[in-house]
């Protein structure tokens, strides 16, 4: 089972994601957390993400999908995830469907 929590900043996505993940022993993949982790790196991608986060910009649609694919590969687990924060728009959701067919 995979569950997606979507919504505006501070609407409770993280809180609800944690409650659900704890109850059903699932991993959470948060695109916000992935971006914040990357922003700490001293490389081109880290600097660009840090600038975009500081300016309140939205990341390009392909970047969250790329990060999540890497997380799924790294975790090597198939019993379900709680995805928090992505997709953000209908077009991104369509990209997700196409990517994860």
PDB file of N, CA and C in Angstrom:
ATOM      1  N   UNK A   1       0.844  -1.171   0.000  1.00  0.00           N
ATOM      2  CA  UNK A   1       0.000   0.000   0.000  1.00  0.00           C
ATOM      3  C   UNK A   1       0.892   1.239   0.000  1.00  0.00           C
ATOM      4  N   UNK A   2       0.589   2.169  -0.865  1.00  0.00           N
ATOM      5  CA  UNK A   2       1.254   3.463  -0.903  1.00  0.00           C
ATOM      6  C   UNK A   2       0.204   4.540  -0.663  1.00  0.00           C
ATOM      7  N   UNK A   3       0.557   5.534   0.152  1.00  0.00           N
ATOM      8  CA  UNK A   3      -0.360   6.611   0.491  1.00  0.00           C
ATOM      9  C   UNK A   3       0.332   7.932   0.201  1.00  0.00           C
ATOM     10  N   UNK A   4      -0.421   8.857  -0.366  1.00  0.00           N
ATOM     11  CA  UNK A   4       0.108  10.170  -0.696  1.00  0.00           C
ATOM     12  C   UNK A   4      -0.607  11.234   0.129  1.00  0.00           C
ATOM     13  N   UNK A   5       0.172  12.090   0.803  1.00  0.00           N
ATOM     14  CA  UNK A   5      -0.380  13.239   1.520  1.00  0.00           C
ATOM     15  C   UNK A   5       0.023  14.490   0.758  1.00  0.00           C
ATOM     16  N   UNK A   6      -0.988  15.229   0.327  1.00  0.00           N
ATOM     17  CA  UNK A   6      -0.764  16.439  -0.453  1.00  0.00           C
ATOM     18  C   UNK A   6      -1.451  17.607   0.234  1.00  0.00           C
ATOM     19  N   UNK A   7      -0.902  18.773   0.068  1.00  0.00           N
ATOM     20  CA  UNK A   7      -1.540  19.953   0.625  1.00  0.00           C
ATOM     21  C   UNK A   7      -0.571  21.108   0.722  1.00  0.00           C
ATOM     22  N   UNK A   8      -1.102  22.225   1.118  1.00  0.00           N
ATOM     23  CA  UNK A   8      -0.306  23.447   1.251  1.00  0.00           C
ATOM     24  C   UNK A   8       0.637  23.344   2.443  1.00  0.00           C
ATOM     25  N   UNK A   9       1.679  24.175   2.457  1.00  0.00           N
ATOM     26  CA  UNK A   9       2.592  24.174   3.596  1.00  0.00           C
ATOM     27  C   UNK A   9       1.844  24.383   4.916  1.00  0.00           C
ATOM     28  N   UNK A  10       2.268  23.700   5.917  1.00  0.00           N
ATOM     29  CA  UNK A  10       1.757  23.750   7.298  1.00  0.00           C
ATOM     30  C   UNK A  10       0.319  23.261   7.457  1.00  0.00           C
ATOM     31  N   UNK A  11      -0.187  22.478   6.494  1.00  0.00           N
ATOM     32  CA  UNK A  11      -1.569  21.992   6.610  1.00  0.00           C
ATOM     33  C   UNK A  11      -1.660  20.697   7.420  1.00  0.00           C
ATOM     34  N   UNK A  12      -0.516  20.118   7.783  1.00  0.00           N
ATOM     35  CA  UNK A  12      -0.547  18.898   8.593  1.00  0.00           C
ATOM     36  C   UNK A  12      -0.117  17.638   7.874  1.00  0.00           C
ATOM     37  N   UNK A  13       0.426  17.783   6.670  1.00  0.00           N
ATOM     38  CA  UNK A  13       0.872  16.609   5.912  1.00  0.00           C
ATOM     39  C   UNK A  13       1.864  15.778   6.711  1.00  0.00           C
ATOM     40  N   UNK A  14       2.851  16.433   7.283  1.00  0.00           N
ATOM     41  CA  UNK A  14       3.892  15.724   8.030  1.00  0.00           C
ATOM     42  C   UNK A  14       3.342  15.029   9.260  1.00  0.00           C
ATOM     43  N   UNK A  15       2.462  15.700   9.969  1.00  0.00           N
ATOM     44  CA  UNK A  15       1.860  15.123  11.177  1.00  0.00           C
ATOM     45  C   UNK A  15       1.036  13.891  10.831  1.00  0.00           C
ATOM     46  N   UNK A  16       0.176  14.016   9.835  1.00  0.00           N
ATOM     47  CA  UNK A  16      -0.665  12.887   9.436  1.00  0.00           C
ATOM     48  C   UNK A  16       0.164  11.747   8.850  1.00  0.00           C
ATOM     49  N   UNK A  17       1.195  12.099   8.078  1.00  0.00           N
ATOM     50  CA  UNK A  17       2.070  11.075   7.499  1.00  0.00           C
ATOM     51  C   UNK A  17       2.733  10.254   8.597  1.00  0.00           C
ATOM     52  N   UNK A  18       3.240  10.939   9.618  1.00  0.00           N
ATOM     53  CA  UNK A  18       3.918  10.249  10.715  1.00  0.00           C
ATOM     54  C   UNK A  18       2.956   9.349  11.474  1.00  0.00           C
ATOM     55  N   UNK A  19       1.752   9.838  11.749  1.00  0.00           N
ATOM     56  CA  UNK A  19       0.771   9.027  12.471  1.00  0.00           C
ATOM     57  C   UNK A  19       0.432   7.750  11.695  1.00  0.00           C
ATOM     58  N   UNK A  20       0.202   7.886  10.404  1.00  0.00           N
ATOM     59  CA  UNK A  20      -0.137   6.731   9.580  1.00  0.00           C
ATOM     60  C   UNK A  20       1.038   5.762   9.475  1.00  0.00           C
ATOM     61  N   UNK A  21       2.229   6.310   9.231  1.00  0.00           N
ATOM     62  CA  UNK A  21       3.420   5.470   9.092  1.00  0.00           C
ATOM     63  C   UNK A  21       3.702   4.714  10.384  1.00  0.00           C
ATOM     64  N   UNK A  22       3.550   5.377  11.515  1.00  0.00           N
ATOM     65  CA  UNK A  22       3.771   4.710  12.807  1.00  0.00           C
ATOM     66  C   UNK A  22       2.756   3.592  13.020  1.00  0.00           C
ATOM     67  N   UNK A  23       1.523   3.876  12.709  1.00  0.00           N
ATOM     68  CA  UNK A  23       0.467   2.882  12.949  1.00  0.00           C
ATOM     69  C   UNK A  23       0.632   1.629  12.096  1.00  0.00           C
ATOM     70  N   UNK A  24       1.068   1.804  10.841  1.00  0.00           N
ATOM     71  CA  UNK A  24       1.163   0.671   9.920  1.00  0.00           C
ATOM     72  C   UNK A  24       2.601   0.276   9.601  1.00  0.00           C
ATOM     73  N   UNK A  25       3.547   0.806  10.377  1.00  0.00           N
ATOM     74  CA  UNK A  25       4.959   0.467  10.204  1.00  0.00           C
ATOM     75  C   UNK A  25       5.432   0.679   8.760  1.00  0.00           C
ATOM     76  N   UNK A  26       5.195   1.865   8.255  1.00  0.00           N
ATOM     77  CA  UNK A  26       5.575   2.213   6.891  1.00  0.00           C
ATOM     78  C   UNK A  26       6.671   3.276   6.932  1.00  0.00           C
ATOM     79  N   UNK A  27       7.446   3.339   5.868  1.00  0.00           N
ATOM     80  CA  UNK A  27       8.450   4.387   5.716  1.00  0.00           C
ATOM     81  C   UNK A  27       7.803   5.622   5.102  1.00  0.00           C
ATOM     82  N   UNK A  28       8.298   6.788   5.509  1.00  0.00           N
ATOM     83  CA  UNK A  28       7.852   8.055   4.926  1.00  0.00           C
ATOM     84  C   UNK A  28       8.926   8.551   3.965  1.00  0.00           C
ATOM     85  N   UNK A  29       8.483   8.974   2.797  1.00  0.00           N
ATOM     86  CA  UNK A  29       9.379   9.661   1.870  1.00  0.00           C
ATOM     87  C   UNK A  29       8.810  11.060   1.683  1.00  0.00           C
ATOM     88  N   UNK A  30       9.519  12.032   2.223  1.00  0.00           N
ATOM     89  CA  UNK A  30       9.097  13.427   2.176  1.00  0.00           C
ATOM     90  C   UNK A  30       9.986  14.188   1.204  1.00  0.00           C
ATOM     91  N   UNK A  31       9.385  14.730   0.156  1.00  0.00           N
ATOM     92  CA  UNK A  31      10.197  15.482  -0.803  1.00  0.00           C
ATOM     93  C   UNK A  31      10.796  16.720  -0.147  1.00  0.00           C
ATOM     94  N   UNK A  32      10.071  17.326   0.789  1.00  0.00           N
ATOM     95  CA  UNK A  32      10.623  18.486   1.497  1.00  0.00           C
ATOM     96  C   UNK A  32      11.880  18.117   2.255  1.00  0.00           C
ATOM     97  N   UNK A  33      11.851  16.985   2.951  1.00  0.00           N
ATOM     98  CA  UNK A  33      13.039  16.539   3.684  1.00  0.00           C
ATOM     99  C   UNK A  33      14.187  16.211   2.730  1.00  0.00           C
ATOM    100  N   UNK A  34      13.860  15.588   1.602  1.00  0.00           N
ATOM    101  CA  UNK A  34      14.915  15.274   0.622  1.00  0.00           C
ATOM    102  C   UNK A  34      15.560  16.558   0.106  1.00  0.00           C
ATOM    103  N   UNK A  35      14.740  17.566  -0.188  1.00  0.00           N
ATOM    104  CA  UNK A  35      15.285  18.838  -0.661  1.00  0.00           C
ATOM    105  C   UNK A  35      16.140  19.509   0.416  1.00  0.00           C
ATOM    106  N   UNK A  36      15.665  19.490   1.660  1.00  0.00           N
ATOM    107  CA  UNK A  36      16.435  20.112   2.744  1.00  0.00           C
ATOM    108  C   UNK A  36      17.773  19.395   2.941  1.00  0.00           C
ATOM    109  N   UNK A  37      17.784  18.081   2.858  1.00  0.00           N
ATOM    110  CA  UNK A  37      19.041  17.325   2.979  1.00  0.00           C
ATOM    111  C   UNK A  37      20.006  17.702   1.857  1.00  0.00           C
ATOM    112  N   UNK A  38      19.492  17.767   0.636  1.00  0.00           N
ATOM    113  CA  UNK A  38      20.344  18.131  -0.497  1.00  0.00           C
ATOM    114  C   UNK A  38      20.873  19.553  -0.379  1.00  0.00           C
ATOM    115  N   UNK A  39      20.071  20.450   0.196  1.00  0.00           N
ATOM    116  CA  UNK A  39      20.492  21.851   0.292  1.00  0.00           C
ATOM    117  C   UNK A  39      21.692  22.026   1.219  1.00  0.00           C
ATOM    118  N   UNK A  40      21.994  21.028   2.019  1.00  0.00           N
ATOM    119  CA  UNK A  40      23.141  21.094   2.926  1.00  0.00           C
ATOM    120  C   UNK A  40      24.447  20.699   2.245  1.00  0.00           C
ATOM    121  N   UNK A  41      24.338  20.113   1.056  1.00  0.00           N
ATOM    122  CA  UNK A  41      25.542  19.664   0.346  1.00  0.00           C
ATOM    123  C   UNK A  41      26.198  20.836  -0.367  1.00  0.00           C
ATOM    124  N   UNK A  42      27.507  20.781  -0.405  1.00  0.00           N
ATOM    125  CA  UNK A  42      28.276  21.849  -1.035  1.00  0.00           C
ATOM    126  C   UNK A  42      28.632  21.466  -2.470  1.00  0.00           C
ATOM    127  N   UNK A  43      27.592  21.256  -3.282  1.00  0.00           N
ATOM    128  CA  UNK A  43      27.797  20.991  -4.698  1.00  0.00           C
ATOM    129  C   UNK A  43      26.798  21.838  -5.489  1.00  0.00           C
ATOM    130  N   UNK A  44      26.833  21.734  -6.797  1.00  0.00           N
ATOM    131  CA  UNK A  44      25.986  22.599  -7.632  1.00  0.00           C
ATOM    132  C   UNK A  44      24.506  22.400  -7.323  1.00  0.00           C
ATOM    133  N   UNK A  45      24.079  21.144  -7.230  1.00  0.00           N
ATOM    134  CA  UNK A  45      22.672  20.872  -6.955  1.00  0.00           C
ATOM    135  C   UNK A  45      22.278  21.395  -5.577  1.00  0.00           C
ATOM    136  N   UNK A  46      23.104  21.149  -4.580  1.00  0.00           N
ATOM    137  CA  UNK A  46      22.817  21.616  -3.229  1.00  0.00           C
ATOM    138  C   UNK A  46      22.682  23.123  -3.150  1.00  0.00           C
ATOM    139  N   UNK A  47      23.589  23.829  -3.815  1.00  0.00           N
ATOM    140  CA  UNK A  47      23.552  25.300  -3.806  1.00  0.00           C
ATOM    141  C   UNK A  47      22.289  25.804  -4.505  1.00  0.00           C
ATOM    142  N   UNK A  48      21.952  25.216  -5.647  1.00  0.00           N
ATOM    143  CA  UNK A  48      20.756  25.640  -6.390  1.00  0.00           C
ATOM    144  C   UNK A  48      19.491  25.388  -5.575  1.00  0.00           C
ATOM    145  N   UNK A  49      19.411  24.224  -4.932  1.00  0.00           N
ATOM    146  CA  UNK A  49      18.235  23.912  -4.120  1.00  0.00           C
ATOM    147  C   UNK A  49      18.153  24.851  -2.924  1.00  0.00           C
ATOM    148  N   UNK A  50      19.287  25.123  -2.291  1.00  0.00           N
ATOM    149  CA  UNK A  50      19.294  26.039  -1.145  1.00  0.00           C
ATOM    150  C   UNK A  50      18.799  27.421  -1.570  1.00  0.00           C
ATOM    151  N   UNK A  51      19.241  27.894  -2.732  1.00  0.00           N
ATOM    152  CA  UNK A  51      18.790  29.196  -3.236  1.00  0.00           C
ATOM    153  C   UNK A  51      17.289  29.180  -3.502  1.00  0.00           C
ATOM    154  N   UNK A  52      16.819  28.113  -4.150  1.00  0.00           N
ATOM    155  CA  UNK A  52      15.392  28.021  -4.481  1.00  0.00           C
ATOM    156  C   UNK A  52      14.542  27.943  -3.220  1.00  0.00           C
ATOM    157  N   UNK A  53      14.978  27.161  -2.232  1.00  0.00           N
ATOM    158  CA  UNK A  53      14.235  27.074  -0.975  1.00  0.00           C
ATOM    159  C   UNK A  53      14.212  28.423  -0.266  1.00  0.00           C
ATOM    160  N   UNK A  54      15.337  29.110  -0.278  1.00  0.00           N
ATOM    161  CA  UNK A  54      15.420  30.425   0.359  1.00  0.00           C
ATOM    162  C   UNK A  54      14.521  31.458  -0.296  1.00  0.00           C
ATOM    163  N   UNK A  55      14.333  31.309  -1.605  1.00  0.00           N
ATOM    164  CA  UNK A  55      13.484  32.245  -2.349  1.00  0.00           C
ATOM    165  C   UNK A  55      12.025  31.794  -2.393  1.00  0.00           C
ATOM    166  N   UNK A  56      11.726  30.625  -1.811  1.00  0.00           N
ATOM    167  CA  UNK A  56      10.359  30.102  -1.810  1.00  0.00           C
ATOM    168  C   UNK A  56       9.902  29.585  -3.158  1.00  0.00           C
ATOM    169  N   UNK A  57      10.848  29.206  -4.012  1.00  0.00           N
ATOM    170  CA  UNK A  57      10.502  28.712  -5.345  1.00  0.00           C
ATOM    171  C   UNK A  57      10.114  27.240  -5.298  1.00  0.00           C
ATOM    172  N   UNK A  58       9.327  26.829  -6.279  1.00  0.00           N
ATOM    173  CA  UNK A  58       8.949  25.429  -6.431  1.00  0.00           C
ATOM    174  C   UNK A  58       9.973  24.762  -7.334  1.00  0.00           C
ATOM    175  N   UNK A  59      10.376  23.554  -6.959  1.00  0.00           N
ATOM    176  CA  UNK A  59      11.370  22.815  -7.732  1.00  0.00           C
ATOM    177  C   UNK A  59      10.766  22.316  -9.041  1.00  0.00           C
ATOM    178  N   UNK A  60      11.591  22.113 -10.070  1.00  0.00           N
ATOM    179  CA  UNK A  60      11.091  21.549 -11.319  1.00  0.00           C
ATOM    180  C   UNK A  60      10.455  20.176 -11.072  1.00  0.00           C
ATOM    181  N   UNK A  61       9.408  19.858 -11.799  1.00  0.00           N
ATOM    182  CA  UNK A  61       8.634  18.632 -11.584  1.00  0.00           C
ATOM    183  C   UNK A  61       9.461  17.359 -11.641  1.00  0.00           C
ATOM    184  N   UNK A  62      10.446  17.328 -12.500  1.00  0.00           N
ATOM    185  CA  UNK A  62      11.234  16.104 -12.661  1.00  0.00           C
ATOM    186  C   UNK A  62      12.113  15.818 -11.442  1.00  0.00           C
ATOM    187  N   UNK A  63      12.494  16.827 -10.704  1.00  0.00           N
ATOM    188  CA  UNK A  63      13.420  16.635  -9.587  1.00  0.00           C
ATOM    189  C   UNK A  63      12.829  15.794  -8.454  1.00  0.00           C
ATOM    190  N   UNK A  64      11.600  16.046  -7.989  1.00  0.00           N
ATOM    191  CA  UNK A  64      11.055  15.176  -6.946  1.00  0.00           C
ATOM    192  C   UNK A  64      10.945  13.719  -7.393  1.00  0.00           C
ATOM    193  N   UNK A  65      10.548  13.516  -8.625  1.00  0.00           N
ATOM    194  CA  UNK A  65      10.432  12.135  -9.127  1.00  0.00           C
ATOM    195  C   UNK A  65      11.798  11.467  -9.119  1.00  0.00           C
ATOM    196  N   UNK A  66      12.813  12.171  -9.577  1.00  0.00           N
ATOM    197  CA  UNK A  66      14.177  11.633  -9.571  1.00  0.00           C
ATOM    198  C   UNK A  66      14.615  11.281  -8.153  1.00  0.00           C
ATOM    199  N   UNK A  67      14.387  12.190  -7.212  1.00  0.00           N
ATOM    200  CA  UNK A  67      14.788  11.950  -5.828  1.00  0.00           C
ATOM    201  C   UNK A  67      14.047  10.764  -5.227  1.00  0.00           C
ATOM    202  N   UNK A  68      12.772  10.652  -5.528  1.00  0.00           N
ATOM    203  CA  UNK A  68      11.981   9.566  -4.959  1.00  0.00           C
ATOM    204  C   UNK A  68      12.387   8.224  -5.562  1.00  0.00           C
ATOM    205  N   UNK A  69      12.664   8.191  -6.852  1.00  0.00           N
ATOM    206  CA  UNK A  69      13.155   6.945  -7.455  1.00  0.00           C
ATOM    207  C   UNK A  69      14.445   6.522  -6.772  1.00  0.00           C
ATOM    208  N   UNK A  70      15.349   7.465  -6.536  1.00  0.00           N
ATOM    209  CA  UNK A  70      16.601   7.134  -5.835  1.00  0.00           C
ATOM    210  C   UNK A  70      16.330   6.610  -4.429  1.00  0.00           C
ATOM    211  N   UNK A  71      15.379   7.213  -3.727  1.00  0.00           N
ATOM    212  CA  UNK A  71      15.037   6.743  -2.374  1.00  0.00           C
ATOM    213  C   UNK A  71      14.465   5.333  -2.417  1.00  0.00           C
ATOM    214  N   UNK A  72      13.579   5.084  -3.367  1.00  0.00           N
ATOM    215  CA  UNK A  72      12.980   3.751  -3.471  1.00  0.00           C
ATOM    216  C   UNK A  72      14.040   2.694  -3.748  1.00  0.00           C
ATOM    217  N   UNK A  73      14.991   3.014  -4.610  1.00  0.00           N
ATOM    218  CA  UNK A  73      16.079   2.082  -4.909  1.00  0.00           C
ATOM    219  C   UNK A  73      16.950   1.883  -3.669  1.00  0.00           C
ATOM    220  N   UNK A  74      17.292   2.971  -2.991  1.00  0.00           N
ATOM    221  CA  UNK A  74      18.162   2.885  -1.821  1.00  0.00           C
ATOM    222  C   UNK A  74      17.508   2.092  -0.688  1.00  0.00           C
ATOM    223  N   UNK A  75      16.215   2.250  -0.511  1.00  0.00           N
ATOM    224  CA  UNK A  75      15.534   1.560   0.590  1.00  0.00           C
ATOM    225  C   UNK A  75      15.213   0.117   0.258  1.00  0.00           C
ATOM    226  N   UNK A  76      15.121  -0.226  -1.027  1.00  0.00           N
ATOM    227  CA  UNK A  76      14.940  -1.604  -1.474  1.00  0.00           C
ATOM    228  C   UNK A  76      13.844  -2.308  -0.669  1.00  0.00           C
ATOM    229  N   UNK A  77      12.688  -1.719  -0.667  1.00  0.00           N
ATOM    230  CA  UNK A  77      11.568  -2.222   0.121  1.00  0.00           C
ATOM    231  C   UNK A  77      10.317  -2.133  -0.730  1.00  0.00           C
ATOM    232  N   UNK A  78       9.413  -3.073  -0.592  1.00  0.00           N
ATOM    233  CA  UNK A  78       8.235  -3.040  -1.451  1.00  0.00           C
ATOM    234  C   UNK A  78       6.910  -3.107  -0.698  1.00  0.00           C
ATOM    235  N   UNK A  79       6.938  -3.012   0.625  1.00  0.00           N
ATOM    236  CA  UNK A  79       5.681  -3.173   1.364  1.00  0.00           C
ATOM    237  C   UNK A  79       4.962  -1.862   1.650  1.00  0.00           C
ATOM    238  N   UNK A  80       5.259  -0.823   0.939  1.00  0.00           N
ATOM    239  CA  UNK A  80       4.485   0.396   1.019  1.00  0.00           C
ATOM    240  C   UNK A  80       5.221   1.573   1.629  1.00  0.00           C
ATOM    241  N   UNK A  81       4.813   2.740   1.184  1.00  0.00           N
ATOM    242  CA  UNK A  81       5.411   3.987   1.634  1.00  0.00           C
ATOM    243  C   UNK A  81       4.322   5.018   1.852  1.00  0.00           C
ATOM    244  N   UNK A  82       4.636   5.987   2.687  1.00  0.00           N
ATOM    245  CA  UNK A  82       3.822   7.181   2.811  1.00  0.00           C
ATOM    246  C   UNK A  82       4.618   8.281   2.123  1.00  0.00           C
ATOM    247  N   UNK A  83       4.057   8.840   1.069  1.00  0.00           N
ATOM    248  CA  UNK A  83       4.704   9.917   0.323  1.00  0.00           C
ATOM    249  C   UNK A  83       4.103  11.227   0.793  1.00  0.00           C
ATOM    250  N   UNK A  84       4.968  12.152   1.177  1.00  0.00           N
ATOM    251  CA  UNK A  84       4.485  13.406   1.734  1.00  0.00           C
ATOM    252  C   UNK A  84       5.038  14.577   0.936  1.00  0.00           C
ATOM    253  N   UNK A  85       4.114  15.350   0.335  1.00  0.00           N
ATOM    254  CA  UNK A  85       4.504  16.587  -0.321  1.00  0.00           C
ATOM    255  C   UNK A  85       4.619  16.551  -1.828  1.00  0.00           C
ATOM    256  N   UNK A  86       4.454  15.419  -2.428  1.00  0.00           N
ATOM    257  CA  UNK A  86       4.577  15.344  -3.881  1.00  0.00           C
ATOM    258  C   UNK A  86       3.731  14.174  -4.359  1.00  0.00           C
ATOM    259  N   UNK A  87       3.053  14.300  -5.462  1.00  0.00           N
ATOM    260  CA  UNK A  87       3.043  15.392  -6.423  1.00  0.00           C
ATOM    261  C   UNK A  87       2.280  16.606  -5.897  1.00  0.00           C
ATOM    262  N   UNK A  88       2.591  17.760  -6.480  1.00  0.00           N
ATOM    263  CA  UNK A  88       1.979  19.006  -6.026  1.00  0.00           C
ATOM    264  C   UNK A  88       0.888  19.510  -6.954  1.00  0.00           C
ATOM    265  N   UNK A  89       0.959  19.125  -8.221  1.00  0.00           N
ATOM    266  CA  UNK A  89       0.001  19.611  -9.210  1.00  0.00           C
ATOM    267  C   UNK A  89      -0.473  18.453 -10.067  1.00  0.00           C
ATOM    268  N   UNK A  90      -1.560  18.671 -10.776  1.00  0.00           N
ATOM    269  CA  UNK A  90      -2.130  17.621 -11.619  1.00  0.00           C
ATOM    270  C   UNK A  90      -1.100  17.121 -12.640  1.00  0.00           C
ATOM    271  N   UNK A  91      -0.368  18.041 -13.258  1.00  0.00           N
ATOM    272  CA  UNK A  91       0.631  17.633 -14.262  1.00  0.00           C
ATOM    273  C   UNK A  91       1.697  16.748 -13.628  1.00  0.00           C
ATOM    274  N   UNK A  92       2.101  17.048 -12.386  1.00  0.00           N
ATOM    275  CA  UNK A  92       3.085  16.202 -11.700  1.00  0.00           C
ATOM    276  C   UNK A  92       2.500  14.830 -11.400  1.00  0.00           C
ATOM    277  N   UNK A  93       1.232  14.791 -11.000  1.00  0.00           N
ATOM    278  CA  UNK A  93       0.587  13.507 -10.734  1.00  0.00           C
ATOM    279  C   UNK A  93       0.561  12.654 -12.001  1.00  0.00           C
ATOM    280  N   UNK A  94       0.313  13.289 -13.116  1.00  0.00           N
ATOM    281  CA  UNK A  94       0.320  12.562 -14.387  1.00  0.00           C
ATOM    282  C   UNK A  94       1.720  12.035 -14.706  1.00  0.00           C
ATOM    283  N   UNK A  95       2.753  12.837 -14.403  1.00  0.00           N
ATOM    284  CA  UNK A  95       4.133  12.374 -14.592  1.00  0.00           C
ATOM    285  C   UNK A  95       4.430  11.180 -13.691  1.00  0.00           C
ATOM    286  N   UNK A  96       3.935  11.228 -12.450  1.00  0.00           N
ATOM    287  CA  UNK A  96       4.131  10.115 -11.521  1.00  0.00           C
ATOM    288  C   UNK A  96       3.530   8.837 -12.102  1.00  0.00           C
ATOM    289  N   UNK A  97       2.275   8.955 -12.562  1.00  0.00           N
ATOM    290  CA  UNK A  97       1.588   7.778 -13.109  1.00  0.00           C
ATOM    291  C   UNK A  97       2.399   7.203 -14.259  1.00  0.00           C
ATOM    292  N   UNK A  98       2.862   8.063 -15.147  1.00  0.00           N
ATOM    293  CA  UNK A  98       3.645   7.597 -16.297  1.00  0.00           C
ATOM    294  C   UNK A  98       4.966   6.978 -15.861  1.00  0.00           C
ATOM    295  N   UNK A  99       5.628   7.569 -14.893  1.00  0.00           N
ATOM    296  CA  UNK A  99       6.921   7.084 -14.425  1.00  0.00           C
ATOM    297  C   UNK A  99       6.809   5.743 -13.710  1.00  0.00           C
ATOM    298  N   UNK A 100       5.772   5.582 -12.910  1.00  0.00           N
ATOM    299  CA  UNK A 100       5.663   4.401 -12.063  1.00  0.00           C
ATOM    300  C   UNK A 100       4.740   3.324 -12.612  1.00  0.00           C
ATOM    301  N   UNK A 101       4.430   3.375 -13.903  1.00  0.00           N
ATOM    302  CA  UNK A 101       3.598   2.310 -14.535  1.00  0.00           C
ATOM    303  C   UNK A 101       4.281   0.981 -14.439  1.00  0.00           C
TER     304      UNK A 101
END
